[in-house]
PDB file of N, CA and C in Angstrom:
ATOM      1  N   MET A   1     -49.298  91.916  -1.360  1.00  0.00           N
ATOM      2  CA  MET A   1     -50.694  92.090  -0.973  1.00  0.00           C
ATOM      3  C   MET A   1     -50.830  91.657   0.490  1.00  0.00           C
ATOM      4  N   PRO A   2     -51.556  92.422   1.276  1.00  0.00           N
ATOM      5  CA  PRO A   2     -51.708  92.093   2.699  1.00  0.00           C
ATOM      6  C   PRO A   2     -52.386  90.741   2.930  1.00  0.00           C
ATOM      7  N   GLN A   3     -51.984  90.115   4.033  1.00  0.00           N
ATOM      8  CA  GLN A   3     -52.619  88.876   4.462  1.00  0.00           C
ATOM      9  C   GLN A   3     -53.392  89.145   5.747  1.00  0.00           C
ATOM     10  N   TYR A   4     -54.511  88.450   5.895  1.00  0.00           N
ATOM     11  CA  TYR A   4     -55.396  88.637   7.043  1.00  0.00           C
ATOM     12  C   TYR A   4     -55.687  87.296   7.696  1.00  0.00           C
ATOM     13  N   MET A   5     -55.713  87.307   9.013  1.00  0.00           N
ATOM     14  CA  MET A   5     -56.111  86.121   9.766  1.00  0.00           C
ATOM     15  C   MET A   5     -57.590  86.265  10.085  1.00  0.00           C
ATOM     16  N   VAL A   6     -58.331  85.209   9.833  1.00  0.00           N
ATOM     17  CA  VAL A   6     -59.748  85.140  10.165  1.00  0.00           C
ATOM     18  C   VAL A   6     -59.851  84.183  11.344  1.00  0.00           C
ATOM     19  N   PHE A   7     -60.213  84.715  12.518  1.00  0.00           N
ATOM     20  CA  PHE A   7     -60.331  83.901  13.720  1.00  0.00           C
ATOM     21  C   PHE A   7     -61.788  83.501  13.919  1.00  0.00           C
ATOM     22  N   TYR A   8     -62.022  82.226  14.185  1.00  0.00           N
ATOM     23  CA  TYR A   8     -63.361  81.694  14.414  1.00  0.00           C
ATOM     24  C   TYR A   8     -63.604  81.609  15.914  1.00  0.00           C
ATOM     25  N   LEU A   9     -64.653  82.294  16.391  1.00  0.00           N
ATOM     26  CA  LEU A   9     -64.958  82.348  17.821  1.00  0.00           C
ATOM     27  C   LEU A   9     -66.368  81.841  18.068  1.00  0.00           C
ATOM     28  N   GLY A  10     -66.501  80.934  19.039  1.00  0.00           N
ATOM     29  CA  GLY A  10     -67.829  80.453  19.423  1.00  0.00           C
ATOM     30  C   GLY A  10     -68.459  79.592  18.353  1.00  0.00           C
ATOM     31  N   GLY A  11     -69.748  79.779  18.164  1.00  0.00           N
ATOM     32  CA  GLY A  11     -70.503  78.987  17.200  1.00  0.00           C
ATOM     33  C   GLY A  11     -71.193  77.823  17.881  1.00  0.00           C
ATOM     34  N   GLU A  12     -72.287  77.404  17.291  1.00  0.00           N
ATOM     35  CA  GLU A  12     -73.052  76.282  17.826  1.00  0.00           C
ATOM     36  C   GLU A  12     -72.695  75.005  17.079  1.00  0.00           C
ATOM     37  N   LEU A  13     -72.682  73.910  17.793  1.00  0.00           N
ATOM     38  CA  LEU A  13     -72.445  72.615  17.162  1.00  0.00           C
ATOM     39  C   LEU A  13     -73.662  72.222  16.341  1.00  0.00           C
ATOM     40  N   PRO A  14     -73.460  71.523  15.237  1.00  0.00           N
ATOM     41  CA  PRO A  14     -74.589  71.062  14.435  1.00  0.00           C
ATOM     42  C   PRO A  14     -75.504  70.151  15.242  1.00  0.00           C
ATOM     43  N   SER A  15     -76.782  70.164  14.909  1.00  0.00           N
ATOM     44  CA  SER A  15     -77.763  69.352  15.628  1.00  0.00           C
ATOM     45  C   SER A  15     -77.691  67.870  15.251  1.00  0.00           C
ATOM     46  N   SER A  16     -77.037  67.566  14.131  1.00  0.00           N
ATOM     47  CA  SER A  16     -76.908  66.175  13.683  1.00  0.00           C
ATOM     48  C   SER A  16     -75.700  66.071  12.754  1.00  0.00           C
ATOM     49  N   PRO A  17     -75.222  64.859  12.517  1.00  0.00           N
ATOM     50  CA  PRO A  17     -74.119  64.699  11.558  1.00  0.00           C
ATOM     51  C   PRO A  17     -74.486  65.223  10.166  1.00  0.00           C
ATOM     52  N   GLY A  18     -75.746  65.046   9.768  1.00  0.00           N
ATOM     53  CA  GLY A  18     -76.186  65.543   8.464  1.00  0.00           C
ATOM     54  C   GLY A  18     -76.109  67.059   8.376  1.00  0.00           C
ATOM     55  N   GLU A  19     -76.540  67.735   9.449  1.00  0.00           N
ATOM     56  CA  GLU A  19     -76.448  69.199   9.483  1.00  0.00           C
ATOM     57  C   GLU A  19     -74.990  69.631   9.469  1.00  0.00           C
ATOM     58  N   GLY A  20     -74.152  68.889  10.173  1.00  0.00           N
ATOM     59  CA  GLY A  20     -72.722  69.181  10.183  1.00  0.00           C
ATOM     60  C   GLY A  20     -72.123  69.078   8.788  1.00  0.00           C
ATOM     61  N   GLN A  21     -72.518  68.065   8.054  1.00  0.00           N
ATOM     62  CA  GLN A  21     -72.020  67.884   6.690  1.00  0.00           C
ATOM     63  C   GLN A  21     -72.498  69.015   5.783  1.00  0.00           C
ATOM     64  N   LYS A  22     -73.758  69.417   5.912  1.00  0.00           N
ATOM     65  CA  LYS A  22     -74.281  70.525   5.101  1.00  0.00           C
ATOM     66  C   LYS A  22     -73.522  71.809   5.389  1.00  0.00           C
ATOM     67  N   HIS A  23     -73.268  72.069   6.673  1.00  0.00           N
ATOM     68  CA  HIS A  23     -72.521  73.273   7.033  1.00  0.00           C
ATOM     69  C   HIS A  23     -71.106  73.218   6.457  1.00  0.00           C
ATOM     70  N   PHE A  24     -70.461  72.063   6.573  1.00  0.00           N
ATOM     71  CA  PHE A  24     -69.109  71.901   6.044  1.00  0.00           C
ATOM     72  C   PHE A  24     -69.079  72.151   4.538  1.00  0.00           C
ATOM     73  N   GLU A  25     -70.092  71.667   3.831  1.00  0.00           N
ATOM     74  CA  GLU A  25     -70.164  71.880   2.380  1.00  0.00           C
ATOM     75  C   GLU A  25     -70.328  73.362   2.050  1.00  0.00           C
ATOM     76  N   ARG A  26     -71.148  74.091   2.839  1.00  0.00           N
ATOM     77  CA  ARG A  26     -71.300  75.543   2.619  1.00  0.00           C
ATOM     78  C   ARG A  26     -69.971  76.257   2.886  1.00  0.00           C
ATOM     79  N   TYR A  27     -69.278  75.811   3.922  1.00  0.00           N
ATOM     80  CA  TYR A  27     -67.986  76.402   4.264  1.00  0.00           C
ATOM     81  C   TYR A  27     -66.977  76.163   3.132  1.00  0.00           C
ATOM     82  N   GLN A  28     -66.936  74.942   2.610  1.00  0.00           N
ATOM     83  CA  GLN A  28     -66.035  74.624   1.503  1.00  0.00           C
ATOM     84  C   GLN A  28     -66.360  75.468   0.260  1.00  0.00           C
ATOM     85  N   LYS A  29     -67.643  75.661  -0.001  1.00  0.00           N
ATOM     86  CA  LYS A  29     -68.070  76.477  -1.145  1.00  0.00           C
ATOM     87  C   LYS A  29     -67.613  77.925  -0.951  1.00  0.00           C
ATOM     88  N   TRP A  30     -67.744  78.447   0.277  1.00  0.00           N
ATOM     89  CA  TRP A  30     -67.292  79.811   0.568  1.00  0.00           C
ATOM     90  C   TRP A  30     -65.789  79.938   0.319  1.00  0.00           C
ATOM     91  N   LEU A  31     -65.014  78.965   0.833  1.00  0.00           N
ATOM     92  CA  LEU A  31     -63.568  79.014   0.613  1.00  0.00           C
ATOM     93  C   LEU A  31     -63.240  78.966  -0.880  1.00  0.00           C
ATOM     94  N   ALA A  32     -63.920  78.107  -1.612  1.00  0.00           N
ATOM     95  CA  ALA A  32     -63.682  78.005  -3.056  1.00  0.00           C
ATOM     96  C   ALA A  32     -63.996  79.326  -3.754  1.00  0.00           C
ATOM     97  N   SER A  33     -65.008  80.047  -3.264  1.00  0.00           N
ATOM     98  CA  SER A  33     -65.380  81.329  -3.889  1.00  0.00           C
ATOM     99  C   SER A  33     -64.289  82.384  -3.707  1.00  0.00           C
ATOM    100  N   LEU A  34     -63.413  82.194  -2.729  1.00  0.00           N
ATOM    101  CA  LEU A  34     -62.321  83.140  -2.495  1.00  0.00           C
ATOM    102  C   LEU A  34     -61.125  82.870  -3.400  1.00  0.00           C
ATOM    103  N   GLY A  35     -61.103  81.685  -4.037  1.00  0.00           N
ATOM    104  CA  GLY A  35     -60.056  81.347  -4.994  1.00  0.00           C
ATOM    105  C   GLY A  35     -58.652  81.442  -4.427  1.00  0.00           C
ATOM    106  N   ASP A  36     -57.770  82.097  -5.190  1.00  0.00           N
ATOM    107  CA  ASP A  36     -56.361  82.203  -4.816  1.00  0.00           C
ATOM    108  C   ASP A  36     -56.120  83.098  -3.608  1.00  0.00           C
ATOM    109  N   ALA A  37     -57.151  83.785  -3.123  1.00  0.00           N
ATOM    110  CA  ALA A  37     -56.994  84.633  -1.933  1.00  0.00           C
ATOM    111  C   ALA A  37     -56.773  83.797  -0.677  1.00  0.00           C
ATOM    112  N   VAL A  38     -57.121  82.507  -0.738  1.00  0.00           N
ATOM    113  CA  VAL A  38     -56.973  81.646   0.433  1.00  0.00           C
ATOM    114  C   VAL A  38     -55.520  81.180   0.527  1.00  0.00           C
ATOM    115  N   VAL A  39     -54.859  81.588   1.599  1.00  0.00           N
ATOM    116  CA  VAL A  39     -53.478  81.184   1.855  1.00  0.00           C
ATOM    117  C   VAL A  39     -53.472  79.883   2.647  1.00  0.00           C
ATOM    118  N   SER A  40     -54.298  79.823   3.686  1.00  0.00           N
ATOM    119  CA  SER A  40     -54.464  78.619   4.502  1.00  0.00           C
ATOM    120  C   SER A  40     -55.950  78.488   4.805  1.00  0.00           C
ATOM    121  N   ALA A  41     -56.573  77.480   4.219  1.00  0.00           N
ATOM    122  CA  ALA A  41     -58.033  77.363   4.239  1.00  0.00           C
ATOM    123  C   ALA A  41     -58.627  77.274   5.636  1.00  0.00           C
ATOM    124  N   ALA A  42     -58.152  76.385   6.440  1.00  0.00           N
ATOM    125  CA  ALA A  42     -58.740  76.209   7.767  1.00  0.00           C
ATOM    126  C   ALA A  42     -57.734  75.533   8.675  1.00  0.00           C
ATOM    127  N   ILE A  43     -57.563  76.104   9.840  1.00  0.00           N
ATOM    128  CA  ILE A  43     -56.702  75.519  10.853  1.00  0.00           C
ATOM    129  C   ILE A  43     -57.541  75.402  12.118  1.00  0.00           C
ATOM    130  N   PRO A  44     -58.236  74.271  12.287  1.00  0.00           N
ATOM    131  CA  PRO A  44     -59.031  74.105  13.507  1.00  0.00           C
ATOM    132  C   PRO A  44     -58.118  73.839  14.698  1.00  0.00           C
ATOM    133  N   PHE A  45     -58.528  74.285  15.864  1.00  0.00           N
ATOM    134  CA  PHE A  45     -57.745  74.095  17.079  1.00  0.00           C
ATOM    135  C   PHE A  45     -58.263  72.889  17.853  1.00  0.00           C
ATOM    136  N   LYS A  46     -57.345  72.232  18.537  1.00  0.00           N
ATOM    137  CA  LYS A  46     -57.670  71.056  19.340  1.00  0.00           C
ATOM    138  C   LYS A  46     -56.841  71.101  20.614  1.00  0.00           C
ATOM    139  N   ASP A  47     -57.410  70.652  21.705  1.00  0.00           N
ATOM    140  CA  ASP A  47     -56.676  70.516  22.959  1.00  0.00           C
ATOM    141  C   ASP A  47     -56.031  71.836  23.396  1.00  0.00           C
ATOM    142  N   THR A  48     -56.807  72.915  23.374  1.00  0.00           N
ATOM    143  CA  THR A  48     -56.305  74.232  23.745  1.00  0.00           C
ATOM    144  C   THR A  48     -56.068  74.325  25.250  1.00  0.00           C
ATOM    145  N   HIS A  49     -54.953  74.907  25.615  1.00  0.00           N
ATOM    146  CA  HIS A  49     -54.614  75.196  27.009  1.00  0.00           C
ATOM    147  C   HIS A  49     -54.298  76.683  27.114  1.00  0.00           C
ATOM    148  N   THR A  50     -54.559  77.261  28.259  1.00  0.00           N
ATOM    149  CA  THR A  50     -54.264  78.669  28.507  1.00  0.00           C
ATOM    150  C   THR A  50     -53.153  78.759  29.543  1.00  0.00           C
ATOM    151  N   VAL A  51     -52.139  79.570  29.245  1.00  0.00           N
ATOM    152  CA  VAL A  51     -51.052  79.819  30.191  1.00  0.00           C
ATOM    153  C   VAL A  51     -51.270  81.217  30.770  1.00  0.00           C
ATOM    154  N   HIS A  52     -51.380  81.309  32.075  1.00  0.00           N
ATOM    155  CA  HIS A  52     -51.645  82.571  32.768  1.00  0.00           C
ATOM    156  C   HIS A  52     -50.335  83.253  33.168  1.00  0.00           C
ATOM    157  N   PRO A  53     -50.377  84.554  33.475  1.00  0.00           N
ATOM    158  CA  PRO A  53     -49.152  85.283  33.830  1.00  0.00           C
ATOM    159  C   PRO A  53     -48.355  84.659  34.976  1.00  0.00           C
ATOM    160  N   ASP A  54     -49.025  83.970  35.885  1.00  0.00           N
ATOM    161  CA  ASP A  54     -48.314  83.346  37.004  1.00  0.00           C
ATOM    162  C   ASP A  54     -47.704  81.996  36.613  1.00  0.00           C
ATOM    163  N   GLY A  55     -47.859  81.611  35.336  1.00  0.00           N
ATOM    164  CA  GLY A  55     -47.293  80.367  34.845  1.00  0.00           C
ATOM    165  C   GLY A  55     -48.216  79.173  34.939  1.00  0.00           C
ATOM    166  N   LYS A  56     -49.327  79.302  35.655  1.00  0.00           N
ATOM    167  CA  LYS A  56     -50.266  78.185  35.777  1.00  0.00           C
ATOM    168  C   LYS A  56     -50.983  77.995  34.440  1.00  0.00           C
ATOM    169  N   THR A  57     -51.305  76.743  34.164  1.00  0.00           N
ATOM    170  CA  THR A  57     -52.021  76.432  32.932  1.00  0.00           C
ATOM    171  C   THR A  57     -53.376  75.830  33.251  1.00  0.00           C
ATOM    172  N   LYS A  58     -54.284  75.996  32.302  1.00  0.00           N
ATOM    173  CA  LYS A  58     -55.632  75.464  32.461  1.00  0.00           C
ATOM    174  C   LYS A  58     -56.115  74.974  31.100  1.00  0.00           C
ATOM    175  N   LEU A  59     -56.763  73.834  31.094  1.00  0.00           N
ATOM    176  CA  LEU A  59     -57.334  73.314  29.865  1.00  0.00           C
ATOM    177  C   LEU A  59     -58.456  74.228  29.412  1.00  0.00           C
ATOM    178  N   GLY A  60     -58.463  74.572  28.129  1.00  0.00           N
ATOM    179  CA  GLY A  60     -59.525  75.397  27.569  1.00  0.00           C
ATOM    180  C   GLY A  60     -59.032  76.758  27.127  1.00  0.00           C
ATOM    181  N   THR A  61     -59.930  77.482  26.488  1.00  0.00           N
ATOM    182  CA  THR A  61     -59.623  78.794  25.940  1.00  0.00           C
ATOM    183  C   THR A  61     -60.364  79.876  26.714  1.00  0.00           C
ATOM    184  N   THR A  62     -59.779  81.027  26.825  1.00  0.00           N
ATOM    185  CA  THR A  62     -60.469  82.150  27.451  1.00  0.00           C
ATOM    186  C   THR A  62     -61.210  82.986  26.409  1.00  0.00           C
ATOM    187  N   THR A  63     -60.930  82.746  25.120  1.00  0.00           N
ATOM    188  CA  THR A  63     -61.527  83.547  24.055  1.00  0.00           C
ATOM    189  C   THR A  63     -62.636  82.834  23.288  1.00  0.00           C
ATOM    190  N   GLY A  64     -62.713  81.519  23.409  1.00  0.00           N
ATOM    191  CA  GLY A  64     -63.683  80.767  22.609  1.00  0.00           C
ATOM    192  C   GLY A  64     -63.203  80.550  21.182  1.00  0.00           C
ATOM    193  N   MET A  65     -61.918  80.818  20.911  1.00  0.00           N
ATOM    194  CA  MET A  65     -61.380  80.666  19.568  1.00  0.00           C
ATOM    195  C   MET A  65     -61.284  79.190  19.217  1.00  0.00           C
ATOM    196  N   SER A  66     -61.812  78.822  18.046  1.00  0.00           N
ATOM    197  CA  SER A  66     -61.809  77.416  17.659  1.00  0.00           C
ATOM    198  C   SER A  66     -60.984  77.140  16.409  1.00  0.00           C
ATOM    199  N   GLY A  67     -60.450  78.184  15.776  1.00  0.00           N
ATOM    200  CA  GLY A  67     -59.631  77.975  14.592  1.00  0.00           C
ATOM    201  C   GLY A  67     -59.352  79.272  13.875  1.00  0.00           C
ATOM    202  N   LEU A  68     -58.657  79.163  12.735  1.00  0.00           N
ATOM    203  CA  LEU A  68     -58.359  80.344  11.936  1.00  0.00           C
ATOM    204  C   LEU A  68     -58.148  79.966  10.489  1.00  0.00           C
ATOM    205  N   SER A  69     -58.240  80.950   9.636  1.00  0.00           N
ATOM    206  CA  SER A  69     -57.880  80.845   8.227  1.00  0.00           C
ATOM    207  C   SER A  69     -57.013  82.049   7.905  1.00  0.00           C
ATOM    208  N   ILE A  70     -56.216  81.939   6.864  1.00  0.00           N
ATOM    209  CA  ILE A  70     -55.416  83.068   6.407  1.00  0.00           C
ATOM    210  C   ILE A  70     -55.812  83.355   4.966  1.00  0.00           C
ATOM    211  N   ILE A  71     -56.142  84.622   4.710  1.00  0.00           N
ATOM    212  CA  ILE A  71     -56.534  85.038   3.362  1.00  0.00           C
ATOM    213  C   ILE A  71     -55.679  86.226   2.930  1.00  0.00           C
ATOM    214  N   ARG A  72     -55.546  86.395   1.628  1.00  0.00           N
ATOM    215  CA  ARG A  72     -54.803  87.516   1.053  1.00  0.00           C
ATOM    216  C   ARG A  72     -55.806  88.400   0.330  1.00  0.00           C
ATOM    217  N   MET A  73     -55.921  89.645   0.761  1.00  0.00           N
ATOM    218  CA  MET A  73     -56.858  90.586   0.159  1.00  0.00           C
ATOM    219  C   MET A  73     -56.164  91.931  -0.025  1.00  0.00           C
ATOM    220  N   GLY A  74     -56.710  92.777  -0.873  1.00  0.00           N
ATOM    221  CA  GLY A  74     -56.123  94.076  -1.157  1.00  0.00           C
ATOM    222  C   GLY A  74     -56.260  95.078  -0.028  1.00  0.00           C
ATOM    223  N   SER A  75     -57.246  94.878   0.852  1.00  0.00           N
ATOM    224  CA  SER A  75     -57.477  95.834   1.935  1.00  0.00           C
ATOM    225  C   SER A  75     -58.289  95.159   3.044  1.00  0.00           C
ATOM    226  N   MET A  76     -58.334  95.813   4.186  1.00  0.00           N
ATOM    227  CA  MET A  76     -59.165  95.320   5.284  1.00  0.00           C
ATOM    228  C   MET A  76     -60.620  95.268   4.854  1.00  0.00           C
ATOM    229  N   GLU A  77     -61.081  96.267   4.117  1.00  0.00           N
ATOM    230  CA  GLU A  77     -62.482  96.280   3.676  1.00  0.00           C
ATOM    231  C   GLU A  77     -62.800  95.063   2.813  1.00  0.00           C
ATOM    232  N   GLU A  78     -61.874  94.677   1.937  1.00  0.00           N
ATOM    233  CA  GLU A  78     -62.079  93.474   1.122  1.00  0.00           C
ATOM    234  C   GLU A  78     -62.136  92.228   2.009  1.00  0.00           C
ATOM    235  N   ALA A  79     -61.270  92.168   3.007  1.00  0.00           N
ATOM    236  CA  ALA A  79     -61.271  91.027   3.924  1.00  0.00           C
ATOM    237  C   ALA A  79     -62.577  90.960   4.708  1.00  0.00           C
ATOM    238  N   LEU A  80     -63.067  92.111   5.152  1.00  0.00           N
ATOM    239  CA  LEU A  80     -64.333  92.141   5.892  1.00  0.00           C
ATOM    240  C   LEU A  80     -65.504  91.739   5.006  1.00  0.00           C
ATOM    241  N   THR A  81     -65.484  92.178   3.764  1.00  0.00           N
ATOM    242  CA  THR A  81     -66.552  91.804   2.826  1.00  0.00           C
ATOM    243  C   THR A  81     -66.561  90.292   2.630  1.00  0.00           C
ATOM    244  N   ALA A  82     -65.391  89.696   2.454  1.00  0.00           N
ATOM    245  CA  ALA A  82     -65.305  88.239   2.299  1.00  0.00           C
ATOM    246  C   ALA A  82     -65.816  87.538   3.552  1.00  0.00           C
ATOM    247  N   ALA A  83     -65.444  88.051   4.716  1.00  0.00           N
ATOM    248  CA  ALA A  83     -65.846  87.426   5.982  1.00  0.00           C
ATOM    249  C   ALA A  83     -67.356  87.474   6.184  1.00  0.00           C
ATOM    250  N   ARG A  84     -68.004  88.509   5.716  1.00  0.00           N
ATOM    251  CA  ARG A  84     -69.455  88.640   5.903  1.00  0.00           C
ATOM    252  C   ARG A  84     -70.233  87.513   5.225  1.00  0.00           C
ATOM    253  N   ASP A  85     -69.611  86.852   4.252  1.00  0.00           N
ATOM    254  CA  ASP A  85     -70.269  85.755   3.542  1.00  0.00           C
ATOM    255  C   ASP A  85     -69.927  84.382   4.127  1.00  0.00           C
ATOM    256  N   CYS A  86     -69.124  84.337   5.174  1.00  0.00           N
ATOM    257  CA  CYS A  86     -68.681  83.062   5.745  1.00  0.00           C
ATOM    258  C   CYS A  86     -69.832  82.347   6.453  1.00  0.00           C
ATOM    259  N   PRO A  87     -70.065  81.074   6.147  1.00  0.00           N
ATOM    260  CA  PRO A  87     -71.150  80.310   6.770  1.00  0.00           C
ATOM    261  C   PRO A  87     -70.977  80.093   8.276  1.00  0.00           C
ATOM    262  N   PHE A  88     -69.803  80.363   8.817  1.00  0.00           N
ATOM    263  CA  PHE A  88     -69.610  80.243  10.259  1.00  0.00           C
ATOM    264  C   PHE A  88     -70.566  81.181  11.002  1.00  0.00           C
ATOM    265  N   LEU A  89     -70.899  82.287  10.375  1.00  0.00           N
ATOM    266  CA  LEU A  89     -71.844  83.239  10.979  1.00  0.00           C
ATOM    267  C   LEU A  89     -73.243  82.640  11.102  1.00  0.00           C
ATOM    268  N   GLU A  90     -73.574  81.694  10.222  1.00  0.00           N
ATOM    269  CA  GLU A  90     -74.894  81.049  10.242  1.00  0.00           C
ATOM    270  C   GLU A  90     -75.096  80.190  11.485  1.00  0.00           C
ATOM    271  N   ILE A  91     -74.008  79.740  12.107  1.00  0.00           N
ATOM    272  CA  ILE A  91     -74.129  78.906  13.310  1.00  0.00           C
ATOM    273  C   ILE A  91     -73.839  79.741  14.568  1.00  0.00           C
ATOM    274  N   LYS A  92     -74.093  81.030  14.445  1.00  0.00           N
ATOM    275  CA  LYS A  92     -73.940  81.993  15.543  1.00  0.00           C
ATOM    276  C   LYS A  92     -72.507  82.122  16.025  1.00  0.00           C
ATOM    277  N   GLY A  93     -71.576  81.890  15.112  1.00  0.00           N
ATOM    278  CA  GLY A  93     -70.178  82.132  15.414  1.00  0.00           C
ATOM    279  C   GLY A  93     -69.829  83.579  15.110  1.00  0.00           C
ATOM    280  N   THR A  94     -68.719  84.010  15.630  1.00  0.00           N
ATOM    281  CA  THR A  94     -68.215  85.358  15.404  1.00  0.00           C
ATOM    282  C   THR A  94     -66.860  85.243  14.729  1.00  0.00           C
ATOM    283  N   LEU A  95     -66.568  86.191  13.856  1.00  0.00           N
ATOM    284  CA  LEU A  95     -65.273  86.223  13.178  1.00  0.00           C
ATOM    285  C   LEU A  95     -64.519  87.478  13.597  1.00  0.00           C
ATOM    286  N   GLU A  96     -63.234  87.332  13.838  1.00  0.00           N
ATOM    287  CA  GLU A  96     -62.352  88.476  14.044  1.00  0.00           C
ATOM    288  C   GLU A  96     -61.335  88.451  12.918  1.00  0.00           C
ATOM    289  N   ILE A  97     -61.097  89.612  12.326  1.00  0.00           N
ATOM    290  CA  ILE A  97     -60.170  89.727  11.216  1.00  0.00           C
ATOM    291  C   ILE A  97     -59.013  90.620  11.642  1.00  0.00           C
ATOM    292  N   SER A  98     -57.791  90.147  11.448  1.00  0.00           N
ATOM    293  CA  SER A  98     -56.605  90.936  11.784  1.00  0.00           C
ATOM    294  C   SER A  98     -55.632  90.907  10.627  1.00  0.00           C
ATOM    295  N   GLU A  99     -55.112  92.078  10.272  1.00  0.00           N
ATOM    296  CA  GLU A  99     -54.067  92.123   9.254  1.00  0.00           C
ATOM    297  C   GLU A  99     -52.766  91.612   9.870  1.00  0.00           C
ATOM    298  N   MET A 100     -52.076  90.803   9.127  1.00  0.00           N
ATOM    299  CA  MET A 100     -50.795  90.275   9.580  1.00  0.00           C
ATOM    300  C   MET A 100     -49.701  91.249   9.164  1.00  0.00           C
ATOM    301  N   LEU A 101     -48.856  91.622  10.085  1.00  0.00           N
ATOM    302  CA  LEU A 101     -47.738  92.506   9.787  1.00  0.00           C
ATOM    303  C   LEU A 101     -46.471  91.684   9.636  1.00  0.00           C
ATOM    304  N   GLU A 102     -45.681  92.032   8.661  1.00  0.00           N
ATOM    305  CA  GLU A 102     -44.422  91.333   8.454  1.00  0.00           C
ATOM    306  C   GLU A 102     -43.360  91.977   9.332  1.00  0.00           C
ATOM    307  N   MET A 103     -42.741  91.171  10.164  1.00  0.00           N
ATOM    308  CA  MET A 103     -41.694  91.659  11.052  1.00  0.00           C
ATOM    309  C   MET A 103     -40.386  91.757  10.280  1.00  0.00           C
ATOM    310  N   GLN A 104     -39.637  92.788  10.569  1.00  0.00           N
ATOM    311  CA  GLN A 104     -38.333  92.987   9.930  1.00  0.00           C
ATOM    312  C   GLN A 104     -37.248  92.465  10.849  1.00  0.00           C
ATOM    313  N   GLY A 105     -36.126  92.100  10.287  1.00  0.00           N
ATOM    314  CA  GLY A 105     -34.990  91.683  11.083  1.00  0.00           C
ATOM    315  C   GLY A 105     -34.836  90.183  11.123  1.00  0.00           C
ATOM    316  N   ASP A 106     -33.710  89.747  11.593  1.00  0.00           N
ATOM    317  CA  ASP A 106     -33.370  88.332  11.700  1.00  0.00           C
ATOM    318  C   ASP A 106     -33.648  87.883  13.126  1.00  0.00           C
ATOM    319  N   PRO A 107     -34.624  86.978  13.343  1.00  0.00           N
ATOM    320  CA  PRO A 107     -34.924  86.522  14.702  1.00  0.00           C
ATOM    321  C   PRO A 107     -33.706  85.928  15.395  1.00  0.00           C
ATOM    322  N   GLY A 108     -32.748  85.409  14.641  1.00  0.00           N
ATOM    323  CA  GLY A 108     -31.551  84.844  15.223  1.00  0.00           C
ATOM    324  C   GLY A 108     -30.622  85.905  15.816  1.00  0.00           C
ATOM    325  N   GLU A 109     -30.921  87.150  15.508  1.00  0.00           N
ATOM    326  CA  GLU A 109     -30.092  88.246  16.021  1.00  0.00           C
ATOM    327  C   GLU A 109     -30.916  89.181  16.881  1.00  0.00           C
ATOM    328  N   GLY A 110     -31.824  88.620  17.653  1.00  0.00           N
ATOM    329  CA  GLY A 110     -32.604  89.428  18.583  1.00  0.00           C
ATOM    330  C   GLY A 110     -33.771  90.139  17.958  1.00  0.00           C
ATOM    331  N   GLY A 111     -34.061  89.877  16.684  1.00  0.00           N
ATOM    332  CA  GLY A 111     -35.218  90.484  16.037  1.00  0.00           C
ATOM    333  C   GLY A 111     -35.044  91.939  15.677  1.00  0.00           C
ATOM    334  N   SER A 112     -33.861  92.477  15.799  1.00  0.00           N
ATOM    335  CA  SER A 112     -33.634  93.889  15.498  1.00  0.00           C
ATOM    336  C   SER A 112     -33.613  94.106  13.999  1.00  0.00           C
ATOM    337  N   ASP A 113     -34.220  95.208  13.560  1.00  0.00           N
ATOM    338  CA  ASP A 113     -34.173  95.541  12.140  1.00  0.00           C
ATOM    339  C   ASP A 113     -33.222  96.707  11.898  1.00  0.00           C
ATOM    340  N   LYS A 114     -32.376  97.034  12.883  1.00  0.00           N
ATOM    341  CA  LYS A 114     -31.408  98.119  12.742  1.00  0.00           C
ATOM    342  C   LYS A 114     -30.204  97.640  11.971  1.00  0.00           C
ATOM    343  N   ALA A 115     -29.713  98.507  11.103  1.00  0.00           N
ATOM    344  CA  ALA A 115     -28.489  98.193  10.354  1.00  0.00           C
ATOM    345  C   ALA A 115     -27.301  98.321  11.282  1.00  0.00           C
ATOM    346  N   ASN A 116     -26.318  97.433  11.107  1.00  0.00           N
ATOM    347  CA  ASN A 116     -25.096  97.490  11.943  1.00  0.00           C
ATOM    348  C   ASN A 116     -24.144  98.509  11.439  1.00  0.00           C
TER     349      ASN A 116
END
């Protein structure tokens, strides 16, 4: 069954610790509603740095990405339907969904999937 990455972009910070806790509880309830489809519930990002083509680095993100989750669904449409119910949207965040492709070949041998 295909796996999908759910990327969390932007979003507003809670106005108080209590609001933050309420949002977290809604988020946990949403994840629980997905059941076994959740492969990795939440991977928040911290201390993001950007590496530019010239090799220079800068603290921060150019995309506003703050984390990701991995879910297993039968199709992109199922993944999008699940994402539409995510409470992250309630705090004016945006979600990007990408299907994960399985790479063929042995990375130790240059990543080629050609038979010898």
